[in-house]
Protein backbone atom coordinates (compact mmCIF):
# COMPACT_ATOMS: atom_id res chain seq x y z
CA UNK A 1 35.10 -97.23 -46.58
CA UNK A 2 34.09 -94.81 -49.21
CA UNK A 3 36.36 -92.18 -50.58
CA UNK A 4 33.38 -90.47 -52.05
CA UNK A 5 33.47 -86.72 -51.23
CA UNK A 6 30.29 -84.94 -50.18
CA UNK A 7 29.65 -81.37 -51.54
CA UNK A 8 29.11 -78.89 -48.50
CA UNK A 9 27.34 -75.69 -49.51
CA UNK A 10 29.54 -72.55 -49.07
CA UNK A 11 26.92 -71.14 -46.85
CA UNK A 12 27.37 -73.96 -44.24
CA UNK A 13 30.31 -72.44 -42.62
CA UNK A 14 29.25 -68.81 -42.81
CA UNK A 15 25.71 -68.52 -41.51
CA UNK A 16 25.50 -68.16 -37.74
CA UNK A 17 23.32 -70.61 -35.58
CA UNK A 18 20.25 -68.23 -34.50
CA UNK A 19 20.46 -69.97 -31.12
CA UNK A 20 24.12 -69.17 -30.49
CA UNK A 21 23.46 -65.66 -31.59
CA UNK A 22 20.75 -65.18 -28.94
CA UNK A 23 22.84 -66.73 -26.36
CA UNK A 24 25.62 -64.53 -27.17
CA UNK A 25 23.38 -61.33 -26.79
CA UNK A 26 21.94 -62.94 -23.57
CA UNK A 27 25.42 -63.18 -22.24
CA UNK A 28 26.28 -59.44 -23.27
CA UNK A 29 23.00 -58.09 -21.28
CA UNK A 30 24.29 -60.08 -18.26
CA UNK A 31 27.85 -59.03 -18.42
CA UNK A 32 28.68 -56.20 -16.00
CA UNK A 33 31.59 -55.25 -17.99
CA UNK A 34 29.47 -54.44 -21.06
CA UNK A 35 28.60 -50.83 -21.98
CA UNK A 36 25.00 -49.77 -21.77
CA UNK A 37 25.22 -49.17 -25.47
CA UNK A 38 25.99 -52.84 -26.33
CA UNK A 39 23.50 -54.16 -23.75
CA UNK A 40 20.86 -51.86 -25.50
CA UNK A 41 21.77 -53.24 -28.95
CA UNK A 42 21.64 -56.68 -27.76
CA UNK A 43 18.21 -56.12 -26.42
CA UNK A 44 16.96 -54.85 -29.66
CA UNK A 45 18.57 -57.83 -31.63
CA UNK A 46 16.93 -60.12 -29.09
CA UNK A 47 13.51 -58.34 -29.48
CA UNK A 48 13.74 -58.81 -33.07
CA UNK A 49 14.52 -62.39 -33.01
CA UNK A 50 11.73 -63.38 -30.63
CA UNK A 51 9.02 -60.54 -30.98
CA UNK A 52 9.24 -60.03 -27.19
CA UNK A 53 11.68 -58.28 -24.80
CA UNK A 54 14.22 -60.26 -23.32
CA UNK A 55 14.21 -61.00 -19.60
CA UNK A 56 17.82 -61.40 -18.30
CA UNK A 57 16.47 -62.29 -14.85
CA UNK A 58 14.82 -65.40 -16.23
CA UNK A 59 16.76 -68.61 -15.59
CA UNK A 60 16.57 -71.93 -17.11
CA UNK A 61 15.01 -74.33 -14.71
CA UNK A 62 16.92 -77.17 -16.12
CA UNK A 63 20.24 -75.42 -15.64
CA UNK A 64 19.22 -74.22 -12.05
CA UNK A 65 18.19 -77.97 -11.18
CA UNK A 66 21.64 -79.13 -12.43
CA UNK A 67 23.44 -76.54 -10.24
CA UNK A 68 21.52 -77.45 -7.23
CA UNK A 69 22.14 -81.08 -7.89
CA UNK A 70 25.93 -80.39 -8.10
CA UNK A 71 25.72 -78.51 -4.66
CA UNK A 72 24.17 -81.40 -3.14
CA UNK A 73 26.78 -83.84 -4.27
CA UNK A 74 29.61 -81.37 -3.62
CA UNK A 75 31.52 -82.48 -0.37
CA UNK A 76 33.09 -79.12 -0.23
CA UNK A 77 29.90 -77.52 0.21
CA UNK A 78 28.52 -76.87 3.73
CA UNK A 79 25.95 -79.30 5.04
CA UNK A 80 23.61 -76.30 5.62
CA UNK A 81 24.02 -75.08 2.22
CA UNK A 82 23.47 -78.88 0.73
CA UNK A 83 20.28 -79.04 2.88
CA UNK A 84 19.03 -75.58 1.34
CA UNK A 85 20.05 -77.02 -2.02
CA UNK A 86 17.93 -80.05 -1.42
CA UNK A 87 14.79 -77.93 -0.32
CA UNK A 88 15.03 -75.73 -3.50
CA UNK A 89 15.20 -78.55 -5.67
CA UNK A 90 12.23 -80.20 -4.17
CA UNK A 91 10.50 -76.93 -4.79
CA UNK A 92 11.50 -76.71 -8.11
CA UNK A 93 10.44 -80.26 -9.15
CA UNK A 94 7.20 -79.75 -7.39
């Protein structure tokens, strides 16, 4: 066991993670309780970060697949809904 201390740069705790910043702005755009001014600010920041306008309707295919799998395996979901989830998952996976 080593008692050697490692020096951590002061900036290590204060610099925001760009991915977390982007996700926060994406959440702001999707939140119905957020003002239009805040949403517009988030759109501008996201556009500056990526050089392209954000698309709040775009969904991560991996997250969609995980949600569908969860529905398929959830016994509280109706058989009909589970069947639709299976079909959507098959379409998604191609």
